[in-house]
Amino acid sequence: MSCHLEINDCRKLKSFPDGLRCITSLEKIRVGWMENAVKDMLIQGGKDYYRVQHASYIVCLQWQGRMRKKYKN
């Protein structure tokens, strides 16, 4: 059974929970309406990458005006 995680508009998020490493069925992470610093935590080399590296798909949506940008891991 696969697991998906979505986090939106969590502007005070400083880091991702360490327990994410233990959710081996975590397949997709979607993060939206947050600062670029959050995306930087999740990409390879980011401070929280080791917590989510087992997820096969990471999407960060950034809203600038009406334009939506997608980033994939």
Protein backbone atom coordinates (compact mmCIF):
# COMPACT_ATOMS: atom_id res chain seq x y z
CA MET A 1 0.00 0.00 0.00
CA SER A 2 1.46 3.35 -1.02
CA CYS A 3 1.23 6.48 1.09
CA HIS A 4 1.01 10.14 0.01
CA LEU A 5 1.76 13.26 2.06
CA GLU A 6 0.56 16.76 1.23
CA ILE A 7 1.57 19.89 3.17
CA ASN A 8 0.15 23.28 2.20
CA ASP A 9 0.52 26.80 3.56
CA CYS A 10 2.59 25.78 6.58
CA ARG A 11 4.67 28.94 6.70
CA LYS A 12 6.27 28.29 10.09
CA LEU A 13 7.65 24.90 9.11
CA LYS A 14 11.34 24.83 10.02
CA SER A 15 12.06 21.16 9.25
CA PHE A 16 10.32 17.95 8.32
CA PRO A 17 9.67 15.37 11.06
CA ASP A 18 12.37 12.76 11.54
CA GLY A 19 9.67 10.07 11.62
CA LEU A 20 9.19 10.42 7.86
CA ARG A 21 12.26 8.21 7.48
CA CYS A 22 10.28 5.33 8.98
CA ILE A 23 7.33 5.56 6.58
CA THR A 24 8.73 3.26 3.93
CA SER A 25 5.46 3.20 1.99
CA LEU A 26 5.69 6.98 1.43
CA GLU A 27 5.57 7.32 -2.34
CA LYS A 28 4.63 10.92 -3.06
CA ILE A 29 5.20 14.19 -1.20
CA ARG A 30 3.48 17.36 -2.38
CA VAL A 31 4.32 20.72 -0.82
CA GLY A 32 2.52 23.91 -1.81
CA TRP A 33 2.04 27.55 -0.90
CA MET A 34 5.33 27.70 0.97
CA GLU A 35 8.67 29.50 0.72
CA ASN A 36 11.48 28.34 -1.57
CA ALA A 37 13.46 27.44 1.55
CA VAL A 38 11.13 24.47 2.05
CA LYS A 39 11.87 23.20 -1.44
CA ASP A 40 15.57 23.61 -0.72
CA MET A 41 15.22 21.37 2.35
CA LEU A 42 13.80 18.53 0.23
CA ILE A 43 16.08 18.47 -2.80
CA GLN A 44 19.17 16.29 -2.88
CA GLY A 45 21.75 17.87 -0.58
CA GLY A 46 19.06 19.72 1.39
CA LYS A 47 19.02 19.53 5.18
CA ASP A 48 15.94 17.25 5.31
CA TYR A 49 16.57 15.23 2.15
CA TYR A 50 17.69 12.19 4.16
CA ARG A 51 14.23 12.10 5.76
CA VAL A 52 12.36 11.88 2.46
CA GLN A 53 14.85 10.36 0.03
CA HIS A 54 12.92 7.07 -0.08
CA ALA A 55 9.87 8.82 -1.61
CA SER A 56 9.79 8.24 -5.34
CA TYR A 57 8.13 11.55 -6.21
CA ILE A 58 8.46 14.97 -4.58
CA VAL A 59 6.56 17.97 -5.96
CA CYS A 60 6.94 21.53 -4.68
CA LEU A 61 4.46 24.03 -6.04
CA GLN A 62 5.41 27.68 -5.85
CA TRP A 63 2.90 30.39 -6.59
CA GLN A 64 4.12 33.65 -8.07
CA GLY A 65 1.18 35.76 -9.12
CA ARG A 66 -0.82 33.38 -11.29
CA MET A 67 2.04 31.21 -12.42
CA ARG A 68 2.56 27.79 -10.89
CA LYS A 69 5.99 26.18 -11.00
CA LYS A 70 6.67 22.50 -10.34
CA TYR A 71 9.88 21.05 -9.01
CA LYS A 72 10.57 17.35 -9.02
CA ASN A 73 13.13 15.41 -7.06
